[in-house]
Amino acid sequence: MNHEIERNLGEQPIVQIMAEHGLRAPDLVSASTEQITHKMVARACKGRRLTANSKGKVCRALNACTERPYAMAELFTY
């Protein structure tokens, strides 16, 4: 039996939300008051499994850009 965690989870809902607001990864990075990178945002969009801390940073950056309080459950399917 293979007990490895699936790391590639497919495109996440955050992609659609960012598109609706006309946002790209650099917008989130510049709006964040925390240490986030373009790579972190790209991985979040592609569905690469992030830590809860990283997901929180991306979520807070998106909320700062959109001025709408999105929950992590709205942005990620895992």
Protein backbone atom coordinates (compact mmCIF):
# COMPACT_ATOMS: atom_id res chain seq x y z
CA MET A 1 0.00 0.00 0.00
CA ASN A 2 1.15 3.50 -0.81
CA HIS A 3 0.49 5.93 2.06
CA GLU A 4 2.05 9.01 0.51
CA ILE A 5 0.07 12.23 0.72
CA GLU A 6 -1.17 13.53 -2.63
CA ARG A 7 0.62 16.83 -3.18
CA ASN A 8 -0.81 17.92 -6.54
CA LEU A 9 -4.44 18.77 -5.94
CA GLY A 10 -5.29 20.63 -9.13
CA GLU A 11 -6.31 24.21 -9.72
CA GLN A 12 -7.78 25.80 -6.61
CA PRO A 13 -10.73 28.23 -6.23
CA ILE A 14 -8.28 31.04 -5.41
CA VAL A 15 -7.45 31.21 -9.14
CA GLN A 16 -11.02 32.17 -10.05
CA ILE A 17 -11.25 34.68 -7.20
CA MET A 18 -8.01 36.35 -8.24
CA ALA A 19 -9.22 36.50 -11.86
CA GLU A 20 -12.53 38.09 -10.80
CA HIS A 21 -10.61 40.86 -9.05
CA GLY A 22 -7.98 41.17 -11.79
CA LEU A 23 -5.18 40.15 -9.43
CA ARG A 24 -1.87 38.41 -10.11
CA ALA A 25 0.77 36.96 -7.79
CA PRO A 26 2.80 40.21 -7.60
CA ASP A 27 -0.30 42.04 -6.35
CA LEU A 28 -0.66 39.65 -3.42
CA VAL A 29 3.06 39.75 -2.62
CA SER A 30 3.14 43.55 -2.55
CA ALA A 31 -0.07 43.80 -0.49
CA SER A 32 1.14 41.35 2.15
CA THR A 33 2.63 42.56 5.40
CA GLU A 34 4.09 39.07 5.92
CA GLN A 35 6.82 37.11 4.15
CA ILE A 36 5.19 35.60 1.09
CA THR A 37 6.73 34.93 -2.29
CA HIS A 38 5.51 34.71 -5.86
CA LYS A 39 6.35 31.01 -5.76
CA MET A 40 4.12 30.51 -2.70
CA VAL A 41 1.18 32.15 -4.49
CA ALA A 42 1.84 30.14 -7.65
CA ARG A 43 1.91 26.91 -5.66
CA ALA A 44 -1.36 27.88 -3.94
CA CYS A 45 -3.02 28.43 -7.32
CA LYS A 46 -1.71 25.20 -8.86
CA GLY A 47 -2.90 23.12 -5.94
CA ARG A 48 0.44 22.14 -4.49
CA ARG A 49 -0.19 21.33 -0.84
CA LEU A 50 0.81 24.26 1.41
CA THR A 51 1.21 24.34 5.17
CA ALA A 52 -1.59 25.91 7.18
CA ASN A 53 0.70 28.85 7.95
CA SER A 54 1.41 29.48 4.25
CA LYS A 55 -2.28 29.16 3.36
CA GLY A 56 -3.07 31.73 6.05
CA LYS A 57 -0.51 34.17 4.68
CA VAL A 58 -1.89 33.86 1.14
CA CYS A 59 -5.45 34.24 2.42
CA ARG A 60 -4.61 37.38 4.40
CA ALA A 61 -2.79 38.87 1.40
CA LEU A 62 -5.82 38.22 -0.83
CA ASN A 63 -8.12 39.77 1.77
CA ALA A 64 -5.89 42.86 1.88
CA CYS A 65 -6.08 43.19 -1.92
CA THR A 66 -9.81 42.63 -2.26
CA GLU A 67 -10.96 44.22 1.00
CA ARG A 68 -13.31 41.26 1.37
CA PRO A 69 -12.88 38.64 4.10
CA TYR A 70 -12.44 35.35 2.24
CA ALA A 71 -12.17 32.23 4.39
CA MET A 72 -9.52 29.62 3.65
CA ALA A 73 -12.28 27.14 2.82
CA GLU A 74 -13.35 29.44 -0.04
CA LEU A 75 -9.82 29.52 -1.47
CA PHE A 76 -8.59 25.95 -1.07
CA THR A 77 -10.25 22.55 -1.52
CA TYR A 78 -7.96 20.77 0.91
